């Protein structure tokens, strides 16, 4: 859109007509291809997702991924793709929420929380009892919808 302004004074003089272009953005950013890689108790989990916003564009400085109130530091952060790693060593067994938060250049925010994200230390040997194989207890990280 373009805004143009003209002023006329009491003597009938007309001002120059300056103009300013502006964008009206009502588009909410969207997420797709959200991937959380599995990790064991002493590893990092990798989180990645695509971002789309057909209005003013993404403000990458405001893109956030949070696990249990801890921000995940990005290894890639562009207007269309985000990736980061998170060390799961200190996380307790149980359900943990992964939150994604993306904001566009005019401040429209989009949030997503994982429906169920489990981190559990489990001993797989009771499920797989093969005499010639050893199974290491570990940590699983997975989504269910």
C-alpha atoms as a PDB file:
ATOM      1  CA  UNK A   1       0.000   0.000   0.000  1.00  0.00           C
ATOM      2  CA  UNK A   2       1.032   3.615  -0.437  1.00  0.00           C
ATOM      3  CA  UNK A   3       0.036   6.452   1.853  1.00  0.00           C
ATOM      4  CA  UNK A   4      -0.042   9.926   0.227  1.00  0.00           C
ATOM      5  CA  UNK A   5      -0.674  13.152   2.118  1.00  0.00           C
ATOM      6  CA  UNK A   6      -1.668  16.558   0.724  1.00  0.00           C
ATOM      7  CA  UNK A   7      -2.268  19.678   2.765  1.00  0.00           C
ATOM      8  CA  UNK A   8      -3.886  22.945   1.770  1.00  0.00           C
ATOM      9  CA  UNK A   9      -3.461  26.064   3.874  1.00  0.00           C
ATOM     10  CA  UNK A  10      -6.044  28.868   4.319  1.00  0.00           C
ATOM     11  CA  UNK A  11      -4.475  30.826   1.431  1.00  0.00           C
ATOM     12  CA  UNK A  12      -5.091  27.898  -0.916  1.00  0.00           C
ATOM     13  CA  UNK A  13      -1.478  26.807  -1.212  1.00  0.00           C
ATOM     14  CA  UNK A  14      -1.122  23.066  -1.787  1.00  0.00           C
ATOM     15  CA  UNK A  15       1.811  21.160  -0.363  1.00  0.00           C
ATOM     16  CA  UNK A  16       3.964  18.652  -2.165  1.00  0.00           C
ATOM     17  CA  UNK A  17       2.458  15.190  -1.996  1.00  0.00           C
ATOM     18  CA  UNK A  18       4.900  12.952  -0.146  1.00  0.00           C
ATOM     19  CA  UNK A  19       4.230   9.257  -0.158  1.00  0.00           C
ATOM     20  CA  UNK A  20       5.295   6.313   1.936  1.00  0.00           C
ATOM     21  CA  UNK A  21       4.933   2.639   1.044  1.00  0.00           C
ATOM     22  CA  UNK A  22       3.837   0.226   3.768  1.00  0.00           C
ATOM     23  CA  UNK A  23       2.819  -3.408   4.117  1.00  0.00           C
ATOM     24  CA  UNK A  24      -0.263  -4.661   5.920  1.00  0.00           C
ATOM     25  CA  UNK A  25       0.655  -8.057   7.313  1.00  0.00           C
ATOM     26  CA  UNK A  26      -1.968 -10.305   8.869  1.00  0.00           C
ATOM     27  CA  UNK A  27      -0.179 -13.560   8.010  1.00  0.00           C
ATOM     28  CA  UNK A  28       0.711 -15.829  10.931  1.00  0.00           C
ATOM     29  CA  UNK A  29       4.037 -17.682  10.579  1.00  0.00           C
ATOM     30  CA  UNK A  30       3.669 -21.442  10.199  1.00  0.00           C
ATOM     31  CA  UNK A  31       5.819 -24.452  11.130  1.00  0.00           C
ATOM     32  CA  UNK A  32       6.365 -27.595   9.102  1.00  0.00           C
ATOM     33  CA  UNK A  33       8.647 -30.632   9.129  1.00  0.00           C
ATOM     34  CA  UNK A  34       9.280 -30.411  12.884  1.00  0.00           C
ATOM     35  CA  UNK A  35      11.893 -33.074  13.654  1.00  0.00           C
ATOM     36  CA  UNK A  36      13.339 -34.017  17.020  1.00  0.00           C
ATOM     37  CA  UNK A  37      16.078 -36.614  16.710  1.00  0.00           C
ATOM     38  CA  UNK A  38      16.315 -39.381  19.305  1.00  0.00           C
ATOM     39  CA  UNK A  39      19.042 -39.127  21.919  1.00  0.00           C
ATOM     40  CA  UNK A  40      20.420 -41.262  24.713  1.00  0.00           C
ATOM     41  CA  UNK A  41      20.997 -39.967  28.231  1.00  0.00           C
ATOM     42  CA  UNK A  42      24.494 -38.694  27.478  1.00  0.00           C
ATOM     43  CA  UNK A  43      23.818 -37.135  24.082  1.00  0.00           C
ATOM     44  CA  UNK A  44      22.293 -34.144  22.379  1.00  0.00           C
ATOM     45  CA  UNK A  45      18.920 -34.023  20.725  1.00  0.00           C
ATOM     46  CA  UNK A  46      18.720 -32.190  17.393  1.00  0.00           C
ATOM     47  CA  UNK A  47      15.609 -30.117  16.699  1.00  0.00           C
ATOM     48  CA  UNK A  48      14.808 -28.686  13.274  1.00  0.00           C
ATOM     49  CA  UNK A  49      11.816 -27.202  11.472  1.00  0.00           C
ATOM     50  CA  UNK A  50      10.822 -25.152   8.454  1.00  0.00           C
ATOM     51  CA  UNK A  51       9.173 -21.732   8.777  1.00  0.00           C
ATOM     52  CA  UNK A  52       6.874 -20.015   6.285  1.00  0.00           C
ATOM     53  CA  UNK A  53       5.473 -16.483   6.397  1.00  0.00           C
ATOM     54  CA  UNK A  54       4.167 -14.760   3.288  1.00  0.00           C
ATOM     55  CA  UNK A  55       3.776 -11.291   4.780  1.00  0.00           C
ATOM     56  CA  UNK A  56       6.568  -9.177   6.229  1.00  0.00           C
ATOM     57  CA  UNK A  57       9.053 -12.034   6.720  1.00  0.00           C
ATOM     58  CA  UNK A  58      10.495 -13.711   9.822  1.00  0.00           C
ATOM     59  CA  UNK A  59      12.385 -11.838  12.530  1.00  0.00           C
ATOM     60  CA  UNK A  60      15.055 -14.489  13.102  1.00  0.00           C
ATOM     61  CA  UNK A  61      16.283 -12.719  16.255  1.00  0.00           C
ATOM     62  CA  UNK A  62      12.943 -13.610  17.900  1.00  0.00           C
ATOM     63  CA  UNK A  63      12.815 -17.285  16.860  1.00  0.00           C
ATOM     64  CA  UNK A  64      12.983 -19.393  20.027  1.00  0.00           C
ATOM     65  CA  UNK A  65      12.985 -23.089  20.916  1.00  0.00           C
ATOM     66  CA  UNK A  66      12.530 -23.892  24.594  1.00  0.00           C
ATOM     67  CA  UNK A  67      12.790 -27.212  26.469  1.00  0.00           C
ATOM     68  CA  UNK A  68      11.813 -26.981  30.146  1.00  0.00           C
ATOM     69  CA  UNK A  69      12.352 -23.213  30.244  1.00  0.00           C
ATOM     70  CA  UNK A  70      15.850 -23.571  28.749  1.00  0.00           C
ATOM     71  CA  UNK A  71      16.482 -21.987  25.379  1.00  0.00           C
ATOM     72  CA  UNK A  72      18.004 -24.194  22.699  1.00  0.00           C
ATOM     73  CA  UNK A  73      20.858 -22.400  20.940  1.00  0.00           C
ATOM     74  CA  UNK A  74      20.488 -22.483  17.151  1.00  0.00           C
ATOM     75  CA  UNK A  75      23.141 -23.894  14.845  1.00  0.00           C
ATOM     76  CA  UNK A  76      21.141 -22.572  11.865  1.00  0.00           C
ATOM     77  CA  UNK A  77      18.575 -19.766  12.006  1.00  0.00           C
ATOM     78  CA  UNK A  78      17.238 -18.347   8.749  1.00  0.00           C
ATOM     79  CA  UNK A  79      13.905 -16.942   7.630  1.00  0.00           C
ATOM     80  CA  UNK A  80      12.854 -20.398   6.381  1.00  0.00           C
ATOM     81  CA  UNK A  81      14.772 -22.970   8.484  1.00  0.00           C
ATOM     82  CA  UNK A  82      15.851 -23.445  12.116  1.00  0.00           C
ATOM     83  CA  UNK A  83      18.086 -26.108  13.661  1.00  0.00           C
ATOM     84  CA  UNK A  84      19.624 -26.479  17.105  1.00  0.00           C
ATOM     85  CA  UNK A  85      21.007 -29.030  19.553  1.00  0.00           C
ATOM     86  CA  UNK A  86      20.118 -29.612  23.195  1.00  0.00           C
ATOM     87  CA  UNK A  87      22.052 -31.689  25.731  1.00  0.00           C
ATOM     88  CA  UNK A  88      19.595 -34.016  27.501  1.00  0.00           C
ATOM     89  CA  UNK A  89      22.063 -35.180  30.169  1.00  0.00           C
ATOM     90  CA  UNK A  90      20.483 -33.164  32.990  1.00  0.00           C
ATOM     91  CA  UNK A  91      16.839 -33.856  32.123  1.00  0.00           C
ATOM     92  CA  UNK A  92      14.889 -36.075  34.486  1.00  0.00           C
ATOM     93  CA  UNK A  93      12.782 -39.022  33.407  1.00  0.00           C
ATOM     94  CA  UNK A  94       9.308 -38.031  32.343  1.00  0.00           C
ATOM     95  CA  UNK A  95       7.417 -35.694  30.062  1.00  0.00           C
ATOM     96  CA  UNK A  96       9.102 -32.548  28.802  1.00  0.00           C
ATOM     97  CA  UNK A  97       7.590 -29.893  26.552  1.00  0.00           C
ATOM     98  CA  UNK A  98       9.366 -28.595  23.459  1.00  0.00           C
ATOM     99  CA  UNK A  99       8.054 -25.120  22.567  1.00  0.00           C
ATOM    100  CA  UNK A 100       8.622 -23.330  19.274  1.00  0.00           C
ATOM    101  CA  UNK A 101       8.039 -19.579  19.010  1.00  0.00           C
ATOM    102  CA  UNK A 102       8.414 -17.608  15.769  1.00  0.00           C
ATOM    103  CA  UNK A 103       7.683 -13.906  15.275  1.00  0.00           C
ATOM    104  CA  UNK A 104       7.455 -12.048  11.986  1.00  0.00           C
ATOM    105  CA  UNK A 105       8.780  -8.561  11.293  1.00  0.00           C
ATOM    106  CA  UNK A 106       5.576  -6.806  12.422  1.00  0.00           C
ATOM    107  CA  UNK A 107       5.271  -8.772  15.656  1.00  0.00           C
ATOM    108  CA  UNK A 108       2.760 -11.485  14.730  1.00  0.00           C
ATOM    109  CA  UNK A 109       3.692 -14.498  16.813  1.00  0.00           C
ATOM    110  CA  UNK A 110       3.169 -18.200  16.212  1.00  0.00           C
ATOM    111  CA  UNK A 111       3.672 -20.788  18.958  1.00  0.00           C
ATOM    112  CA  UNK A 112       3.749 -24.568  18.945  1.00  0.00           C
ATOM    113  CA  UNK A 113       4.124 -26.954  21.875  1.00  0.00           C
ATOM    114  CA  UNK A 114       4.884 -30.618  21.455  1.00  0.00           C
ATOM    115  CA  UNK A 115       1.843 -32.715  22.351  1.00  0.00           C
ATOM    116  CA  UNK A 116       3.912 -35.251  24.338  1.00  0.00           C
ATOM    117  CA  UNK A 117       7.666 -35.340  24.467  1.00  0.00           C
ATOM    118  CA  UNK A 118       9.042 -38.115  26.617  1.00  0.00           C
ATOM    119  CA  UNK A 119      12.520 -38.470  27.987  1.00  0.00           C
ATOM    120  CA  UNK A 120      13.040 -41.670  29.893  1.00  0.00           C
ATOM    121  CA  UNK A 121      16.019 -43.628  31.069  1.00  0.00           C
ATOM    122  CA  UNK A 122      15.080 -47.202  30.409  1.00  0.00           C
ATOM    123  CA  UNK A 123      16.779 -50.552  30.585  1.00  0.00           C
ATOM    124  CA  UNK A 124      16.035 -52.282  27.311  1.00  0.00           C
ATOM    125  CA  UNK A 125      17.531 -55.602  28.394  1.00  0.00           C
ATOM    126  CA  UNK A 126      14.235 -56.731  29.927  1.00  0.00           C
ATOM    127  CA  UNK A 127      12.598 -56.267  26.494  1.00  0.00           C
ATOM    128  CA  UNK A 128      15.375 -57.829  24.437  1.00  0.00           C
ATOM    129  CA  UNK A 129      16.924 -60.869  26.022  1.00  0.00           C
ATOM    130  CA  UNK A 130      19.485 -62.127  23.528  1.00  0.00           C
ATOM    131  CA  UNK A 131      22.494 -63.961  25.060  1.00  0.00           C
ATOM    132  CA  UNK A 132      25.074 -62.601  22.587  1.00  0.00           C
ATOM    133  CA  UNK A 133      24.038 -58.963  22.618  1.00  0.00           C
ATOM    134  CA  UNK A 134      24.404 -56.254  25.206  1.00  0.00           C
ATOM    135  CA  UNK A 135      21.849 -53.518  25.499  1.00  0.00           C
ATOM    136  CA  UNK A 136      22.823 -50.210  27.020  1.00  0.00           C
ATOM    137  CA  UNK A 137      20.272 -48.412  29.168  1.00  0.00           C
ATOM    138  CA  UNK A 138      19.672 -44.983  27.729  1.00  0.00           C
ATOM    139  CA  UNK A 139      17.403 -42.084  27.167  1.00  0.00           C
ATOM    140  CA  UNK A 140      14.751 -41.959  24.490  1.00  0.00           C
ATOM    141  CA  UNK A 141      13.327 -38.741  23.095  1.00  0.00           C
ATOM    142  CA  UNK A 142      10.249 -39.063  20.891  1.00  0.00           C
ATOM    143  CA  UNK A 143       7.007 -37.397  19.820  1.00  0.00           C
ATOM    144  CA  UNK A 144       3.537 -38.863  19.838  1.00  0.00           C
ATOM    145  CA  UNK A 145       0.479 -37.132  18.451  1.00  0.00           C
END
